[in-house]
Amino acid sequence: MPEQITLYTAKICPFAHRVELALAESKLGYNRFEIDLSKKPEWYAPKVNPASKVPAIAYGGPQVPPDQPSPDSTKLAESLILVEFVADLAPAAALLPADPVQRAQARFFIDTVSTKFLPAYMGPLARGESFEPFWAALDSLQALLPADKPFVVGDQYTAADIAITPFLARMEVSLKNDIGAYKAGEGTKAAEYFFESGRFARLVKYFDALKARESFKATFDADYIKEKYGARFAVIREQVQAAAAAKA
């Protein structure tokens, strides 16, 4: 029986969302503590995560209030490490495939998310850059999806699917609501291209399967992301566009 788990997380953070998905899929009980990333508690870095980031887990030790973490619990951090940790605690959830080939395929997909998708994802959203590298990164992900199965390694939902889900979900909210550093109107055009052009038909179908999971429905608040991202990226868009105008 796993010991007590306290998750330190933030609804806005896609990396923390990964761990919430893993915990929801695992059916493990845990205590959830929301960290305000704009005003982190003074105790958080010294007592939980020296990097002062989410997600983090306090595992084991006595049951204590999350804002009074026990020195007797083991503190763990980094989203993909925590997803694998949850998978090890709950092997019945099969978040890491038992088959060595499928496990390698899952890890290769996760590596593609980390090395190709995430750098390109931030280009248009945070810096107002061209969407072309982003589309190319999505092509790389789509090429790894099986043609006739719902998830990365087949019928089983795994850590590979968890790695990408939070980012596709936030991408949809951002583009459909024209939230980002790009010029006004470019987000909705990009959303139409992604969902309607046919170039990403397999990826869109895959995304639909991800959103249908009960774990996703229980852990993602689109209205909250729209509100928070809208406020955050309105300022960034203004800064980026002002810098571009000054340079011109």
C-alpha atoms as a PDB file:
ATOM      1  CA  MET A   1       0.000   0.000   0.000  1.00  0.00           C
ATOM      2  CA  PRO A   2       1.568   3.343  -1.032  1.00  0.00           C
ATOM      3  CA  GLU A   3       2.257   5.839   1.693  1.00  0.00           C
ATOM      4  CA  GLN A   4       0.674   9.286   1.886  1.00  0.00           C
ATOM      5  CA  ILE A   5       1.120  11.511  -1.162  1.00  0.00           C
ATOM      6  CA  THR A   6       0.926  15.288  -1.146  1.00  0.00           C
ATOM      7  CA  LEU A   7       1.030  16.951  -4.567  1.00  0.00           C
ATOM      8  CA  TYR A   8       2.109  20.566  -4.850  1.00  0.00           C
ATOM      9  CA  THR A   9       0.672  21.857  -8.093  1.00  0.00           C
ATOM     10  CA  ALA A  10      -0.832  24.812  -9.971  1.00  0.00           C
ATOM     11  CA  LYS A  11      -3.830  24.683 -12.302  1.00  0.00           C
ATOM     12  CA  ILE A  12      -2.152  26.964 -14.809  1.00  0.00           C
ATOM     13  CA  CYS A  13       0.961  24.796 -15.167  1.00  0.00           C
ATOM     14  CA  PRO A  14       0.978  22.111 -17.915  1.00  0.00           C
ATOM     15  CA  PHE A  15       3.887  20.285 -16.282  1.00  0.00           C
ATOM     16  CA  ALA A  16       1.996  19.962 -13.001  1.00  0.00           C
ATOM     17  CA  HIS A  17      -1.068  18.859 -14.966  1.00  0.00           C
ATOM     18  CA  ARG A  18       0.898  15.834 -16.154  1.00  0.00           C
ATOM     19  CA  VAL A  19       1.207  14.554 -12.601  1.00  0.00           C
ATOM     20  CA  GLU A  20      -2.451  15.203 -11.826  1.00  0.00           C
ATOM     21  CA  LEU A  21      -3.385  13.108 -14.868  1.00  0.00           C
ATOM     22  CA  ALA A  22      -1.106  10.294 -13.716  1.00  0.00           C
ATOM     23  CA  LEU A  23      -2.575  10.345 -10.218  1.00  0.00           C
ATOM     24  CA  ALA A  24      -6.129  10.405 -11.569  1.00  0.00           C
ATOM     25  CA  GLU A  25      -5.387   7.428 -13.813  1.00  0.00           C
ATOM     26  CA  SER A  26      -3.670   5.546 -10.993  1.00  0.00           C
ATOM     27  CA  LYS A  27      -6.609   5.947  -8.589  1.00  0.00           C
ATOM     28  CA  LEU A  28      -4.099   6.638  -5.806  1.00  0.00           C
ATOM     29  CA  GLY A  29      -5.330   8.836  -3.009  1.00  0.00           C
ATOM     30  CA  TYR A  30      -3.441  12.081  -2.505  1.00  0.00           C
ATOM     31  CA  ASN A  31      -3.617  15.527  -0.959  1.00  0.00           C
ATOM     32  CA  ARG A  32      -3.579  18.391  -3.444  1.00  0.00           C
ATOM     33  CA  PHE A  33      -2.080  21.774  -2.566  1.00  0.00           C
ATOM     34  CA  GLU A  34      -2.360  24.701  -4.988  1.00  0.00           C
ATOM     35  CA  ILE A  35       0.734  26.894  -5.217  1.00  0.00           C
ATOM     36  CA  ASP A  36       0.262  30.493  -6.341  1.00  0.00           C
ATOM     37  CA  LEU A  37       3.144  30.795  -8.799  1.00  0.00           C
ATOM     38  CA  SER A  38       3.065  34.580  -8.626  1.00  0.00           C
ATOM     39  CA  LYS A  39       3.459  34.532  -4.851  1.00  0.00           C
ATOM     40  CA  LYS A  40       4.956  31.270  -3.697  1.00  0.00           C
ATOM     41  CA  PRO A  41       4.875  30.520   0.041  1.00  0.00           C
ATOM     42  CA  GLU A  42       8.151  31.264   1.810  1.00  0.00           C
ATOM     43  CA  TRP A  43       8.305  27.706   3.129  1.00  0.00           C
ATOM     44  CA  TYR A  44       7.906  26.043  -0.268  1.00  0.00           C
ATOM     45  CA  ALA A  45      11.487  26.149  -1.562  1.00  0.00           C
ATOM     46  CA  PRO A  46      13.307  25.246   1.663  1.00  0.00           C
ATOM     47  CA  LYS A  47      10.849  22.565   2.740  1.00  0.00           C
ATOM     48  CA  VAL A  48       9.597  21.038  -0.523  1.00  0.00           C
ATOM     49  CA  ASN A  49      11.424  21.945  -3.743  1.00  0.00           C
ATOM     50  CA  PRO A  50      14.646  23.992  -3.690  1.00  0.00           C
ATOM     51  CA  ALA A  51      14.027  24.923  -7.343  1.00  0.00           C
ATOM     52  CA  SER A  52      10.756  26.546  -6.193  1.00  0.00           C
ATOM     53  CA  LYS A  53       8.848  24.979  -9.085  1.00  0.00           C
ATOM     54  CA  VAL A  54       5.775  22.805  -9.433  1.00  0.00           C
ATOM     55  CA  PRO A  55       5.026  19.970  -9.575  1.00  0.00           C
ATOM     56  CA  ALA A  56       6.505  18.383  -6.480  1.00  0.00           C
ATOM     57  CA  ILE A  57       5.460  15.509  -4.258  1.00  0.00           C
ATOM     58  CA  ALA A  58       5.988  14.850  -0.579  1.00  0.00           C
ATOM     59  CA  TYR A  59       5.830  11.075  -0.185  1.00  0.00           C
ATOM     60  CA  GLY A  60       5.536   9.174   3.060  1.00  0.00           C
ATOM     61  CA  GLY A  61       5.927  10.480   6.563  1.00  0.00           C
ATOM     62  CA  PRO A  62       3.027  11.447   8.797  1.00  0.00           C
ATOM     63  CA  GLN A  63      -0.260  12.933   7.660  1.00  0.00           C
ATOM     64  CA  VAL A  64       0.279  16.658   8.157  1.00  0.00           C
ATOM     65  CA  PRO A  65      -1.248  19.816   6.678  1.00  0.00           C
ATOM     66  CA  PRO A  66       0.288  20.368   3.209  1.00  0.00           C
ATOM     67  CA  ASP A  67       1.523  23.817   4.237  1.00  0.00           C
ATOM     68  CA  GLN A  68       3.451  22.207   7.090  1.00  0.00           C
ATOM     69  CA  PRO A  69       5.426  19.526   5.221  1.00  0.00           C
ATOM     70  CA  SER A  70       7.123  16.969   7.418  1.00  0.00           C
ATOM     71  CA  PRO A  71      10.903  16.501   7.241  1.00  0.00           C
ATOM     72  CA  ASP A  72      10.152  12.778   7.422  1.00  0.00           C
ATOM     73  CA  SER A  73       8.572  12.708   3.952  1.00  0.00           C
ATOM     74  CA  THR A  74      10.618  12.248   0.795  1.00  0.00           C
ATOM     75  CA  LYS A  75      10.448  15.238  -1.540  1.00  0.00           C
ATOM     76  CA  LEU A  76      10.428  14.557  -5.281  1.00  0.00           C
ATOM     77  CA  ALA A  77      10.153  16.868  -8.291  1.00  0.00           C
ATOM     78  CA  GLU A  78      10.128  17.194 -12.121  1.00  0.00           C
ATOM     79  CA  SER A  79       7.011  16.220 -13.997  1.00  0.00           C
ATOM     80  CA  LEU A  80       8.195  13.263 -16.088  1.00  0.00           C
ATOM     81  CA  ILE A  81      10.042  11.748 -13.137  1.00  0.00           C
ATOM     82  CA  LEU A  82       6.896  12.077 -11.036  1.00  0.00           C
ATOM     83  CA  VAL A  83       4.744  10.479 -13.733  1.00  0.00           C
ATOM     84  CA  GLU A  84       7.065   7.462 -13.748  1.00  0.00           C
ATOM     85  CA  PHE A  85       7.056   7.438  -9.942  1.00  0.00           C
ATOM     86  CA  VAL A  86       3.258   7.256  -9.930  1.00  0.00           C
ATOM     87  CA  ALA A  87       3.411   4.532 -12.567  1.00  0.00           C
ATOM     88  CA  ASP A  88       5.721   2.509 -10.318  1.00  0.00           C
ATOM     89  CA  LEU A  89       3.413   3.002  -7.323  1.00  0.00           C
ATOM     90  CA  ALA A  90       0.373   1.829  -9.295  1.00  0.00           C
ATOM     91  CA  PRO A  91       1.500  -0.818 -11.814  1.00  0.00           C
ATOM     92  CA  ALA A  92      -2.096  -1.884 -12.442  1.00  0.00           C
ATOM     93  CA  ALA A  93      -2.728   1.419 -14.207  1.00  0.00           C
ATOM     94  CA  ALA A  94      -0.104   0.385 -16.797  1.00  0.00           C
ATOM     95  CA  LEU A  95       1.123   3.931 -17.386  1.00  0.00           C
ATOM     96  CA  LEU A  96       4.447   2.382 -18.375  1.00  0.00           C
ATOM     97  CA  PRO A  97       3.907  -0.487 -20.838  1.00  0.00           C
ATOM     98  CA  ALA A  98       5.138  -3.887 -19.725  1.00  0.00           C
ATOM     99  CA  ASP A  99       6.282  -4.762 -23.244  1.00  0.00           C
ATOM    100  CA  PRO A 100       9.866  -3.496 -23.796  1.00  0.00           C
ATOM    101  CA  VAL A 101       9.188  -2.379 -27.359  1.00  0.00           C
ATOM    102  CA  GLN A 102       6.098  -0.404 -26.367  1.00  0.00           C
ATOM    103  CA  ARG A 103       7.937   1.086 -23.410  1.00  0.00           C
ATOM    104  CA  ALA A 104      10.697   2.257 -25.756  1.00  0.00           C
ATOM    105  CA  GLN A 105       8.099   3.689 -28.149  1.00  0.00           C
ATOM    106  CA  ALA A 106       6.449   5.571 -25.292  1.00  0.00           C
ATOM    107  CA  ARG A 107       9.765   7.010 -24.151  1.00  0.00           C
ATOM    108  CA  PHE A 108      10.704   8.006 -27.704  1.00  0.00           C
ATOM    109  CA  PHE A 109       7.415   9.865 -28.046  1.00  0.00           C
ATOM    110  CA  ILE A 110       8.061  11.618 -24.719  1.00  0.00           C
ATOM    111  CA  ASP A 111      11.527  12.600 -25.940  1.00  0.00           C
ATOM    112  CA  THR A 112       9.986  14.055 -29.106  1.00  0.00           C
ATOM    113  CA  VAL A 113       7.589  16.094 -26.982  1.00  0.00           C
ATOM    114  CA  SER A 114      10.510  17.423 -24.935  1.00  0.00           C
ATOM    115  CA  THR A 115      13.032  18.083 -27.701  1.00  0.00           C
ATOM    116  CA  LYS A 116      10.884  19.058 -30.690  1.00  0.00           C
ATOM    117  CA  PHE A 117       7.394  20.053 -29.602  1.00  0.00           C
ATOM    118  CA  LEU A 118       7.978  22.139 -26.482  1.00  0.00           C
ATOM    119  CA  PRO A 119      10.633  24.498 -27.939  1.00  0.00           C
ATOM    120  CA  ALA A 120       8.449  25.118 -30.992  1.00  0.00           C
ATOM    121  CA  TYR A 121       5.291  25.489 -28.877  1.00  0.00           C
ATOM    122  CA  MET A 122       6.684  28.535 -27.101  1.00  0.00           C
ATOM    123  CA  GLY A 123       7.683  30.333 -30.322  1.00  0.00           C
ATOM    124  CA  PRO A 124       4.323  31.718 -31.466  1.00  0.00           C
ATOM    125  CA  LEU A 125       2.675  31.661 -28.054  1.00  0.00           C
ATOM    126  CA  ALA A 126       5.290  33.495 -26.001  1.00  0.00           C
ATOM    127  CA  ARG A 127       7.414  35.273 -28.607  1.00  0.00           C
ATOM    128  CA  GLY A 128       5.081  35.948 -31.521  1.00  0.00           C
ATOM    129  CA  GLU A 129       7.251  33.928 -33.907  1.00  0.00           C
ATOM    130  CA  SER A 130       6.193  32.107 -37.066  1.00  0.00           C
ATOM    131  CA  PHE A 131       3.922  29.098 -36.716  1.00  0.00           C
ATOM    132  CA  GLU A 132       5.911  27.086 -39.277  1.00  0.00           C
ATOM    133  CA  PRO A 133       8.345  25.453 -36.797  1.00  0.00           C
ATOM    134  CA  PHE A 134       5.355  24.674 -34.591  1.00  0.00           C
ATOM    135  CA  TRP A 135       3.518  22.944 -37.438  1.00  0.00           C
ATOM    136  CA  ALA A 136       6.677  20.968 -38.218  1.00  0.00           C
ATOM    137  CA  ALA A 137       6.906  19.833 -34.587  1.00  0.00           C
ATOM    138  CA  LEU A 138       3.276  18.697 -34.696  1.00  0.00           C
ATOM    139  CA  ASP A 139       4.081  16.756 -37.871  1.00  0.00           C
ATOM    140  CA  SER A 140       6.826  14.960 -35.906  1.00  0.00           C
ATOM    141  CA  LEU A 141       4.360  13.945 -33.204  1.00  0.00           C
ATOM    142  CA  GLN A 142       1.689  12.891 -35.664  1.00  0.00           C
ATOM    143  CA  ALA A 143       4.158  10.659 -37.521  1.00  0.00           C
ATOM    144  CA  LEU A 144       4.627   8.604 -34.341  1.00  0.00           C
ATOM    145  CA  LEU A 145       0.916   7.869 -33.837  1.00  0.00           C
ATOM    146  CA  PRO A 146      -0.466   4.491 -34.934  1.00  0.00           C
ATOM    147  CA  ALA A 147      -3.002   4.762 -37.743  1.00  0.00           C
ATOM    148  CA  ASP A 148      -5.630   2.463 -36.233  1.00  0.00           C
ATOM    149  CA  LYS A 149      -5.227   2.761 -32.455  1.00  0.00           C
ATOM    150  CA  PRO A 150      -6.340   5.568 -30.115  1.00  0.00           C
ATOM    151  CA  PHE A 151      -3.122   6.170 -28.164  1.00  0.00           C
ATOM    152  CA  VAL A 152       0.621   6.365 -28.720  1.00  0.00           C
ATOM    153  CA  VAL A 153       1.368   2.688 -28.095  1.00  0.00           C
ATOM    154  CA  GLY A 154      -2.025   1.265 -29.008  1.00  0.00           C
ATOM    155  CA  ASP A 155      -5.146   0.745 -26.937  1.00  0.00           C
ATOM    156  CA  GLN A 156      -3.511   1.543 -23.585  1.00  0.00           C
ATOM    157  CA  TYR A 157      -3.282   5.121 -22.301  1.00  0.00           C
ATOM    158  CA  THR A 158       0.266   5.632 -20.993  1.00  0.00           C
ATOM    159  CA  ALA A 159       2.830   8.132 -19.775  1.00  0.00           C
ATOM    160  CA  ALA A 160       3.440   9.059 -23.425  1.00  0.00           C
ATOM    161  CA  ASP A 161      -0.101  10.379 -23.728  1.00  0.00           C
ATOM    162  CA  ILE A 162       0.200  12.157 -20.382  1.00  0.00           C
ATOM    163  CA  ALA A 163       3.341  13.951 -21.588  1.00  0.00           C
ATOM    164  CA  ILE A 164       1.536  15.790 -24.392  1.00  0.00           C
ATOM    165  CA  THR A 165      -2.066  16.147 -23.182  1.00  0.00           C
ATOM    166  CA  PRO A 166      -1.690  19.317 -21.035  1.00  0.00           C
ATOM    167  CA  PHE A 167       0.032  21.173 -23.849  1.00  0.00           C
ATOM    168  CA  LEU A 168      -2.470  20.281 -26.564  1.00  0.00           C
ATOM    169  CA  ALA A 169      -5.269  21.304 -24.193  1.00  0.00           C
ATOM    170  CA  ARG A 170      -3.696  24.700 -23.536  1.00  0.00           C
ATOM    171  CA  MET A 171      -2.880  25.091 -27.213  1.00  0.00           C
ATOM    172  CA  GLU A 172      -6.566  24.679 -28.069  1.00  0.00           C
ATOM    173  CA  VAL A 173      -7.660  27.259 -25.486  1.00  0.00           C
ATOM    174  CA  SER A 174      -4.975  29.704 -26.610  1.00  0.00           C
ATOM    175  CA  LEU A 175      -5.572  29.444 -30.342  1.00  0.00           C
ATOM    176  CA  LYS A 176      -9.360  29.337 -30.326  1.00  0.00           C
ATOM    177  CA  ASN A 177      -9.457  32.388 -28.042  1.00  0.00           C
ATOM    178  CA  ASP A 178      -6.662  34.193 -29.918  1.00  0.00           C
ATOM    179  CA  ILE A 179      -4.477  34.282 -26.798  1.00  0.00           C
ATOM    180  CA  GLY A 180      -0.761  34.627 -27.431  1.00  0.00           C
ATOM    181  CA  ALA A 181       2.095  36.949 -28.346  1.00  0.00           C
ATOM    182  CA  TYR A 182       1.258  36.755 -32.049  1.00  0.00           C
ATOM    183  CA  LYS A 183      -0.693  39.522 -33.786  1.00  0.00           C
ATOM    184  CA  ALA A 184      -4.421  39.725 -33.068  1.00  0.00           C
ATOM    185  CA  GLY A 185      -6.356  37.299 -35.244  1.00  0.00           C
ATOM    186  CA  GLU A 186      -3.451  34.921 -35.935  1.00  0.00           C
ATOM    187  CA  GLY A 187      -4.504  32.551 -33.169  1.00  0.00           C
ATOM    188  CA  THR A 188      -7.967  31.889 -34.544  1.00  0.00           C
ATOM    189  CA  LYS A 189      -6.514  31.418 -38.032  1.00  0.00           C
ATOM    190  CA  ALA A 190      -4.040  28.912 -36.618  1.00  0.00           C
ATOM    191  CA  ALA A 191      -6.826  27.085 -34.777  1.00  0.00           C
ATOM    192  CA  GLU A 192      -8.799  26.764 -38.000  1.00  0.00           C
ATOM    193  CA  TYR A 193      -5.715  25.464 -39.794  1.00  0.00           C
ATOM    194  CA  PHE A 194      -4.938  22.895 -37.111  1.00  0.00           C
ATOM    195  CA  PHE A 195      -8.464  21.563 -36.676  1.00  0.00           C
ATOM    196  CA  GLU A 196      -9.868  21.965 -40.197  1.00  0.00           C
ATOM    197  CA  SER A 197      -7.125  21.850 -42.842  1.00  0.00           C
ATOM    198  CA  GLY A 198      -6.722  18.067 -42.786  1.00  0.00           C
ATOM    199  CA  ARG A 199      -2.949  18.249 -42.333  1.00  0.00           C
ATOM    200  CA  PHE A 200      -3.322  17.157 -38.712  1.00  0.00           C
ATOM    201  CA  ALA A 201      -6.368  14.907 -39.049  1.00  0.00           C
ATOM    202  CA  ARG A 202      -4.736  12.012 -37.202  1.00  0.00           C
ATOM    203  CA  LEU A 203      -3.478  14.269 -34.422  1.00  0.00           C
ATOM    204  CA  VAL A 204      -6.905  15.898 -34.014  1.00  0.00           C
ATOM    205  CA  LYS A 205      -8.502  12.454 -33.692  1.00  0.00           C
ATOM    206  CA  TYR A 206      -5.865  11.523 -31.115  1.00  0.00           C
ATOM    207  CA  PHE A 207      -6.511  14.746 -29.200  1.00  0.00           C
ATOM    208  CA  ASP A 208     -10.232  13.908 -29.110  1.00  0.00           C
ATOM    209  CA  ALA A 209      -9.389  10.545 -27.512  1.00  0.00           C
ATOM    210  CA  LEU A 210      -7.238  12.279 -24.900  1.00  0.00           C
ATOM    211  CA  LYS A 211      -9.995  14.747 -24.010  1.00  0.00           C
ATOM    212  CA  ALA A 212     -12.513  11.936 -23.625  1.00  0.00           C
ATOM    213  CA  ARG A 213     -10.594  10.446 -20.687  1.00  0.00           C
ATOM    214  CA  GLU A 214     -12.253  10.916 -17.313  1.00  0.00           C
ATOM    215  CA  SER A 215      -8.858  11.846 -15.892  1.00  0.00           C
ATOM    216  CA  PHE A 216      -8.685  14.788 -18.286  1.00  0.00           C
ATOM    217  CA  LYS A 217     -12.210  15.967 -17.544  1.00  0.00           C
ATOM    218  CA  ALA A 218     -11.470  15.882 -13.815  1.00  0.00           C
ATOM    219  CA  THR A 219      -8.189  17.815 -14.012  1.00  0.00           C
ATOM    220  CA  PHE A 220      -8.576  20.470 -16.728  1.00  0.00           C
ATOM    221  CA  ASP A 221     -10.450  23.746 -16.311  1.00  0.00           C
ATOM    222  CA  ALA A 222     -10.606  25.450 -19.715  1.00  0.00           C
ATOM    223  CA  ASP A 223     -12.330  28.571 -18.392  1.00  0.00           C
ATOM    224  CA  TYR A 224      -9.631  29.050 -15.758  1.00  0.00           C
ATOM    225  CA  ILE A 225      -6.863  28.677 -18.350  1.00  0.00           C
ATOM    226  CA  LYS A 226      -8.633  31.100 -20.685  1.00  0.00           C
ATOM    227  CA  GLU A 227      -8.873  33.720 -17.936  1.00  0.00           C
ATOM    228  CA  LYS A 228      -5.293  33.355 -16.678  1.00  0.00           C
ATOM    229  CA  TYR A 229      -3.653  33.004 -20.081  1.00  0.00           C
ATOM    230  CA  GLY A 230      -5.721  35.859 -21.452  1.00  0.00           C
ATOM    231  CA  ALA A 231      -4.458  38.266 -18.790  1.00  0.00           C
ATOM    232  CA  ARG A 232      -0.876  37.028 -18.984  1.00  0.00           C
ATOM    233  CA  PHE A 233      -0.457  37.006 -22.752  1.00  0.00           C
ATOM    234  CA  ALA A 234      -2.256  40.288 -23.376  1.00  0.00           C
ATOM    235  CA  VAL A 235       0.690  41.988 -21.689  1.00  0.00           C
ATOM    236  CA  ILE A 236       3.216  39.857 -23.569  1.00  0.00           C
ATOM    237  CA  ARG A 237       1.529  40.561 -26.916  1.00  0.00           C
ATOM    238  CA  GLU A 238       1.670  44.280 -26.254  1.00  0.00           C
ATOM    239  CA  GLN A 239       5.373  44.058 -25.402  1.00  0.00           C
ATOM    240  CA  VAL A 240       6.229  41.900 -28.403  1.00  0.00           C
ATOM    241  CA  GLN A 241       4.307  44.037 -30.855  1.00  0.00           C
ATOM    242  CA  ALA A 242       5.799  47.232 -29.418  1.00  0.00           C
ATOM    243  CA  ALA A 243       9.296  45.794 -29.788  1.00  0.00           C
ATOM    244  CA  ALA A 244       8.563  44.770 -33.387  1.00  0.00           C
ATOM    245  CA  ALA A 245       7.252  48.235 -34.204  1.00  0.00           C
ATOM    246  CA  ALA A 246      10.299  49.874 -32.667  1.00  0.00           C
ATOM    247  CA  LYS A 247      12.609  47.605 -34.645  1.00  0.00           C
ATOM    248  CA  ALA A 248      10.756  48.399 -37.871  1.00  0.00           C
END
